Protein backbone atom coordinates (compact mmCIF):
# COMPACT_ATOMS: atom_id res chain seq x y z
CA MET A 1 -3.58 -8.95 1.94
CA VAL A 2 -4.04 -5.20 1.79
CA ARG A 3 -5.29 -3.47 -1.35
CA ILE A 4 -3.58 -0.33 -2.57
CA VAL A 5 -5.48 1.64 -5.20
CA ARG A 6 -4.62 4.30 -7.74
CA GLN A 7 -7.68 6.47 -7.56
CA PRO A 8 -9.15 8.12 -10.67
CA ASP A 9 -7.51 11.43 -9.67
CA GLY A 10 -4.08 9.73 -9.64
CA ASP A 11 -3.61 9.57 -5.87
CA VAL A 12 -2.47 6.30 -4.32
CA ALA A 13 -4.05 5.14 -1.08
CA VAL A 14 -4.85 2.10 1.03
CA ASP A 15 -8.27 0.66 0.19
CA PRO A 16 -9.51 -0.98 3.41
CA THR A 17 -12.84 -1.97 1.83
CA GLY A 18 -11.27 -3.55 -1.24
CA ARG A 19 -13.98 -1.92 -3.34
CA ALA A 20 -12.66 1.52 -4.25
CA SER A 21 -12.68 2.32 -7.93
CA GLY A 22 -9.33 2.48 -9.65
CA ARG A 23 -6.42 0.25 -10.51
CA GLY A 24 -5.46 -1.90 -7.54
CA ALA A 25 -2.56 -3.95 -6.24
CA TYR A 26 -2.16 -6.12 -3.18
CA LEU A 27 0.61 -6.24 -0.60
CA CYS A 28 0.98 -8.73 2.20
CA GLU A 29 0.64 -7.48 5.74
CA ASP A 30 4.35 -7.67 6.55
CA PRO A 31 5.92 -4.16 6.63
CA ALA A 32 9.00 -5.60 4.89
CA CYS A 33 6.75 -6.45 1.93
CA TRP A 34 5.66 -2.80 1.76
CA GLU A 35 9.25 -1.57 1.89
CA LEU A 36 10.20 -3.92 -0.91
CA GLY A 37 7.21 -2.96 -3.06
CA LEU A 38 7.78 0.75 -2.58
CA GLY A 39 11.57 0.64 -2.50
CA ARG A 40 11.98 -1.08 -5.85
CA ASN A 41 9.11 0.83 -7.48
CA ARG A 42 7.19 -2.38 -8.00
CA LEU A 43 4.01 -0.78 -6.77
CA GLU A 44 4.49 2.14 -9.16
CA ARG A 45 4.88 -0.19 -12.11
CA THR A 46 1.84 -2.24 -11.12
CA LEU A 47 -0.35 0.81 -10.59
CA ARG A 48 1.15 2.65 -13.59
CA VAL A 49 1.73 5.83 -11.63
CA THR A 50 4.57 7.76 -10.00
CA ILE A 51 3.99 7.80 -6.26
CA PRO A 52 4.94 11.19 -4.78
CA PRO A 53 7.17 11.18 -1.68
CA ASP A 54 4.35 12.28 0.64
CA GLN A 55 2.07 9.43 -0.45
CA ARG A 56 4.99 6.97 -0.28
CA SER A 57 5.66 8.08 3.31
CA ALA A 58 1.97 7.77 4.18
CA LEU A 59 1.87 4.19 2.84
CA LEU A 60 4.98 3.21 4.82
CA ALA A 61 3.55 4.86 7.93
CA TYR A 62 0.31 2.90 7.47
CA ALA A 63 2.26 -0.35 7.25
CA GLY A 64 4.23 0.55 10.37
CA GLU A 65 1.11 1.47 12.33
CA GLN A 66 -0.69 -1.69 11.33
CA SER A 67 2.22 -4.06 11.93
CA ALA A 68 1.49 -4.30 15.66
CA ASP A 69 -2.14 -5.16 14.94
CA TRP A 70 -1.20 -7.76 12.32
CA VAL A 71 1.29 -9.46 14.62
CA GLY A 72 -1.32 -9.53 17.37
CA GLU A 73 -3.83 -11.26 15.11
CA GLU A 74 -1.47 -14.17 14.51
CA ASP A 75 -1.21 -14.99 18.22
């Protein structure tokens, strides 16, 4: 699971340590899970924030970049 955090300043980012302060939510490692969470605004509701398009794109890009690593770990 990957933690996404709404930071005190309102920005939304991936929390690789799982310890950043702020309201957090978890998404599975599958990029389809990220698309679903962001596409249906589920992540926004959970974090109680509107995610700007640039941060939304950055989160989807992160999921896409990491997908190769996650698939490799399962082998």
